[in-house]
């Protein structure tokens, strides 16, 4: 795994989000949670950085932005335990 700056990580997640979404007849919306995950609403799939497509069966999912989750690409709350500077 390559370590990236926070800005690079956030840009990579946003880029994957833009490529990943297929709308469910409505608008796909993204919401960044400060210091936490990216909330994705209205998408059918999420494509991770390795190109693997993950089906989405819920109206809202939380995508990990800290790269520490044990449930990648989904957030497991690990970001709460990472010290901030």
N, C-alpha and C. Protein backbone atom coordinates (compact mmCIF):
# COMPACT_ATOMS: atom_id res chain seq x y z
N UNK A 1 0.84 -1.17 0.00
CA UNK A 1 0.00 0.00 0.00
C UNK A 1 0.89 1.24 0.00
N UNK A 2 0.57 2.20 -0.82
CA UNK A 2 1.32 3.44 -0.91
C UNK A 2 0.69 4.47 0.02
N UNK A 3 1.51 5.08 0.86
CA UNK A 3 1.00 6.12 1.74
C UNK A 3 0.84 7.40 0.94
N UNK A 4 -0.30 8.04 1.13
CA UNK A 4 -0.58 9.28 0.41
C UNK A 4 -0.99 10.33 1.41
N UNK A 5 -0.85 11.59 1.01
CA UNK A 5 -1.29 12.68 1.87
C UNK A 5 -2.81 12.64 1.96
N UNK A 6 -3.34 13.32 2.97
CA UNK A 6 -4.78 13.37 3.16
C UNK A 6 -5.47 13.94 1.93
N UNK A 7 -4.91 15.00 1.35
CA UNK A 7 -5.51 15.60 0.14
C UNK A 7 -5.50 14.60 -1.01
N UNK A 8 -4.40 13.88 -1.18
CA UNK A 8 -4.33 12.89 -2.26
C UNK A 8 -5.34 11.78 -2.03
N UNK A 9 -5.49 11.34 -0.78
CA UNK A 9 -6.46 10.29 -0.46
C UNK A 9 -7.88 10.76 -0.77
N UNK A 10 -8.20 11.98 -0.34
CA UNK A 10 -9.54 12.51 -0.58
C UNK A 10 -9.80 12.69 -2.06
N UNK A 11 -8.82 13.16 -2.80
CA UNK A 11 -8.99 13.31 -4.25
C UNK A 11 -9.18 11.96 -4.92
N UNK A 12 -8.44 10.94 -4.47
CA UNK A 12 -8.56 9.60 -5.05
C UNK A 12 -9.95 9.04 -4.78
N UNK A 13 -10.46 9.24 -3.57
CA UNK A 13 -11.81 8.76 -3.23
C UNK A 13 -12.85 9.48 -4.08
N UNK A 14 -12.71 10.79 -4.21
CA UNK A 14 -13.66 11.56 -5.01
C UNK A 14 -13.61 11.13 -6.48
N UNK A 15 -12.41 10.86 -7.00
CA UNK A 15 -12.28 10.39 -8.38
C UNK A 15 -12.96 9.04 -8.56
N UNK A 16 -12.75 8.13 -7.61
CA UNK A 16 -13.41 6.81 -7.71
C UNK A 16 -14.91 6.97 -7.61
N UNK A 17 -15.36 7.90 -6.77
CA UNK A 17 -16.79 8.14 -6.63
C UNK A 17 -17.38 8.60 -7.95
N UNK A 18 -16.70 9.52 -8.59
CA UNK A 18 -17.20 10.04 -9.87
C UNK A 18 -17.29 8.94 -10.92
N UNK A 19 -16.33 8.01 -10.90
CA UNK A 19 -16.32 6.92 -11.88
C UNK A 19 -17.29 5.80 -11.50
N UNK A 20 -17.65 5.69 -10.24
CA UNK A 20 -18.34 4.51 -9.74
C UNK A 20 -19.85 4.55 -9.80
N UNK A 21 -20.42 5.72 -9.86
CA UNK A 21 -21.84 5.82 -9.64
C UNK A 21 -22.69 5.60 -10.88
N UNK A 22 -23.68 4.75 -10.70
CA UNK A 22 -24.75 4.62 -11.68
C UNK A 22 -26.01 5.02 -10.94
N UNK A 23 -26.70 5.93 -11.49
CA UNK A 23 -27.85 6.47 -10.78
C UNK A 23 -29.02 5.48 -10.76
N UNK A 24 -29.78 5.50 -9.67
CA UNK A 24 -30.98 4.67 -9.50
C UNK A 24 -32.21 5.48 -9.90
N UNK A 25 -32.22 6.04 -11.05
CA UNK A 25 -33.36 6.83 -11.49
C UNK A 25 -33.41 8.19 -10.82
N UNK A 26 -32.48 8.46 -9.96
CA UNK A 26 -32.41 9.74 -9.28
C UNK A 26 -30.97 10.20 -9.26
N UNK A 27 -30.70 11.15 -8.43
CA UNK A 27 -29.37 11.74 -8.37
C UNK A 27 -28.49 11.00 -7.36
N UNK A 28 -27.26 10.73 -7.73
CA UNK A 28 -26.28 10.19 -6.81
C UNK A 28 -25.64 11.36 -6.10
N UNK A 29 -25.63 11.30 -4.76
CA UNK A 29 -25.09 12.41 -3.99
C UNK A 29 -23.96 11.93 -3.10
N UNK A 30 -22.95 12.78 -2.93
CA UNK A 30 -21.80 12.50 -2.08
C UNK A 30 -21.76 13.54 -0.98
N UNK A 31 -21.43 13.07 0.23
CA UNK A 31 -21.28 14.00 1.34
C UNK A 31 -20.04 13.59 2.13
N UNK A 32 -19.09 14.50 2.23
CA UNK A 32 -17.87 14.24 3.00
C UNK A 32 -18.14 14.52 4.46
N UNK A 33 -17.87 13.55 5.32
CA UNK A 33 -17.97 13.75 6.76
C UNK A 33 -16.59 14.18 7.24
N UNK A 34 -16.47 15.34 7.87
CA UNK A 34 -15.16 15.82 8.32
C UNK A 34 -14.45 14.79 9.19
N UNK A 35 -13.25 14.40 8.78
CA UNK A 35 -12.47 13.42 9.52
C UNK A 35 -13.03 12.01 9.45
N UNK A 36 -14.01 11.79 8.60
CA UNK A 36 -14.67 10.48 8.52
C UNK A 36 -14.88 10.03 7.09
N UNK A 37 -15.91 9.21 6.88
CA UNK A 37 -16.13 8.61 5.58
C UNK A 37 -16.79 9.54 4.57
N UNK A 38 -16.90 9.02 3.37
CA UNK A 38 -17.67 9.67 2.31
C UNK A 38 -19.02 8.96 2.28
N UNK A 39 -20.11 9.69 2.49
CA UNK A 39 -21.44 9.10 2.40
C UNK A 39 -21.89 9.15 0.95
N UNK A 40 -22.33 8.02 0.45
CA UNK A 40 -22.76 7.90 -0.95
C UNK A 40 -24.23 7.53 -0.94
N UNK A 41 -25.04 8.35 -1.58
CA UNK A 41 -26.49 8.12 -1.65
C UNK A 41 -26.90 7.92 -3.10
N UNK A 42 -27.71 6.90 -3.34
CA UNK A 42 -28.32 6.71 -4.65
C UNK A 42 -27.48 5.96 -5.67
N UNK A 43 -26.36 5.37 -5.27
CA UNK A 43 -25.51 4.63 -6.22
C UNK A 43 -25.87 3.15 -6.21
N UNK A 44 -25.59 2.48 -7.30
CA UNK A 44 -25.82 1.03 -7.40
C UNK A 44 -24.55 0.24 -7.15
N UNK A 45 -23.38 0.84 -7.46
CA UNK A 45 -22.11 0.16 -7.27
C UNK A 45 -21.06 1.15 -6.81
N UNK A 46 -20.00 0.60 -6.22
CA UNK A 46 -18.81 1.38 -5.87
C UNK A 46 -17.62 0.62 -6.44
N UNK A 47 -16.79 1.30 -7.21
CA UNK A 47 -15.60 0.68 -7.77
C UNK A 47 -14.40 1.13 -6.95
N UNK A 48 -13.69 0.15 -6.36
CA UNK A 48 -12.56 0.50 -5.51
C UNK A 48 -11.33 0.83 -6.34
N UNK A 49 -10.22 1.17 -5.66
CA UNK A 49 -9.03 1.61 -6.38
C UNK A 49 -8.38 0.50 -7.19
N UNK A 50 -8.74 -0.76 -6.92
CA UNK A 50 -8.23 -1.89 -7.71
C UNK A 50 -9.14 -2.23 -8.88
N UNK A 51 -10.22 -1.48 -9.04
CA UNK A 51 -11.15 -1.71 -10.14
C UNK A 51 -12.22 -2.74 -9.84
N UNK A 52 -12.31 -3.20 -8.59
CA UNK A 52 -13.32 -4.18 -8.19
C UNK A 52 -14.62 -3.46 -7.91
N UNK A 53 -15.71 -3.92 -8.55
CA UNK A 53 -17.03 -3.33 -8.34
C UNK A 53 -17.72 -3.99 -7.17
N UNK A 54 -18.21 -3.17 -6.24
CA UNK A 54 -18.93 -3.65 -5.07
C UNK A 54 -20.39 -3.21 -5.21
N UNK A 55 -21.33 -4.15 -5.20
CA UNK A 55 -22.73 -3.76 -5.31
C UNK A 55 -23.19 -3.02 -4.05
N UNK A 56 -24.07 -2.07 -4.24
CA UNK A 56 -24.64 -1.31 -3.13
C UNK A 56 -26.12 -1.66 -3.06
N UNK A 57 -26.55 -2.13 -1.89
CA UNK A 57 -27.94 -2.54 -1.72
C UNK A 57 -28.69 -1.66 -0.74
N UNK A 58 -28.01 -0.66 -0.20
CA UNK A 58 -28.63 0.26 0.76
C UNK A 58 -28.78 1.64 0.14
N UNK A 59 -29.69 2.44 0.67
CA UNK A 59 -29.84 3.79 0.12
C UNK A 59 -28.62 4.68 0.37
N UNK A 60 -27.92 4.43 1.50
CA UNK A 60 -26.73 5.23 1.86
C UNK A 60 -25.65 4.28 2.34
N UNK A 61 -24.42 4.47 1.86
CA UNK A 61 -23.28 3.70 2.35
C UNK A 61 -22.16 4.67 2.72
N UNK A 62 -21.30 4.23 3.66
CA UNK A 62 -20.16 5.03 4.10
C UNK A 62 -18.90 4.40 3.53
N UNK A 63 -18.20 5.14 2.68
CA UNK A 63 -16.97 4.67 2.05
C UNK A 63 -15.78 5.21 2.84
N UNK A 64 -14.85 4.31 3.18
CA UNK A 64 -13.67 4.67 3.97
C UNK A 64 -12.80 5.66 3.21
N UNK A 65 -12.34 6.69 3.94
CA UNK A 65 -11.38 7.64 3.37
C UNK A 65 -10.04 7.60 4.08
N UNK A 66 -9.96 6.87 5.21
CA UNK A 66 -8.69 6.84 5.96
C UNK A 66 -7.79 5.68 5.54
N UNK A 67 -8.30 4.77 4.74
CA UNK A 67 -7.57 3.59 4.26
C UNK A 67 -7.18 2.63 5.38
N UNK A 68 -7.84 2.69 6.53
CA UNK A 68 -7.51 1.81 7.65
C UNK A 68 -8.62 0.82 7.99
N UNK A 69 -9.78 0.94 7.36
CA UNK A 69 -10.91 0.07 7.66
C UNK A 69 -10.58 -1.39 7.36
N UNK A 70 -11.07 -2.27 8.20
CA UNK A 70 -10.92 -3.71 7.97
C UNK A 70 -12.02 -4.23 7.04
N UNK A 71 -12.94 -3.36 6.63
CA UNK A 71 -14.06 -3.75 5.75
C UNK A 71 -14.01 -3.00 4.43
N UNK A 72 -12.83 -2.70 3.94
CA UNK A 72 -12.68 -1.92 2.71
C UNK A 72 -13.60 -2.44 1.61
N UNK A 73 -14.23 -1.60 0.84
CA UNK A 73 -14.09 -0.15 0.81
C UNK A 73 -14.99 0.57 1.82
N UNK A 74 -15.70 -0.17 2.66
CA UNK A 74 -16.68 0.43 3.56
C UNK A 74 -16.01 0.89 4.86
N UNK A 75 -16.55 1.93 5.44
CA UNK A 75 -16.05 2.48 6.71
C UNK A 75 -16.47 1.57 7.86
N UNK A 76 -15.53 1.31 8.78
CA UNK A 76 -15.85 0.55 9.98
C UNK A 76 -15.65 1.38 11.25
N UNK A 77 -15.43 2.67 11.11
CA UNK A 77 -15.28 3.56 12.25
C UNK A 77 -13.86 3.70 12.76
N UNK A 78 -12.89 3.04 12.11
CA UNK A 78 -11.50 3.10 12.55
C UNK A 78 -10.98 4.53 12.60
N UNK A 79 -11.46 5.40 11.73
CA UNK A 79 -10.97 6.79 11.69
C UNK A 79 -11.12 7.49 13.03
N UNK A 80 -12.03 7.04 13.87
CA UNK A 80 -12.24 7.66 15.18
C UNK A 80 -11.05 7.45 16.10
N UNK A 81 -10.23 6.42 15.82
CA UNK A 81 -9.11 6.08 16.69
C UNK A 81 -7.76 6.52 16.13
N UNK A 82 -7.78 7.21 14.99
CA UNK A 82 -6.54 7.69 14.37
C UNK A 82 -6.27 9.09 14.89
N UNK A 83 -5.08 9.32 15.50
CA UNK A 83 -4.76 10.65 16.00
C UNK A 83 -4.71 11.68 14.87
N UNK A 84 -5.22 12.86 15.15
CA UNK A 84 -5.14 13.96 14.19
C UNK A 84 -4.04 14.91 14.62
N UNK A 85 -3.47 15.59 13.65
CA UNK A 85 -2.38 16.52 13.97
C UNK A 85 -2.83 17.95 13.86
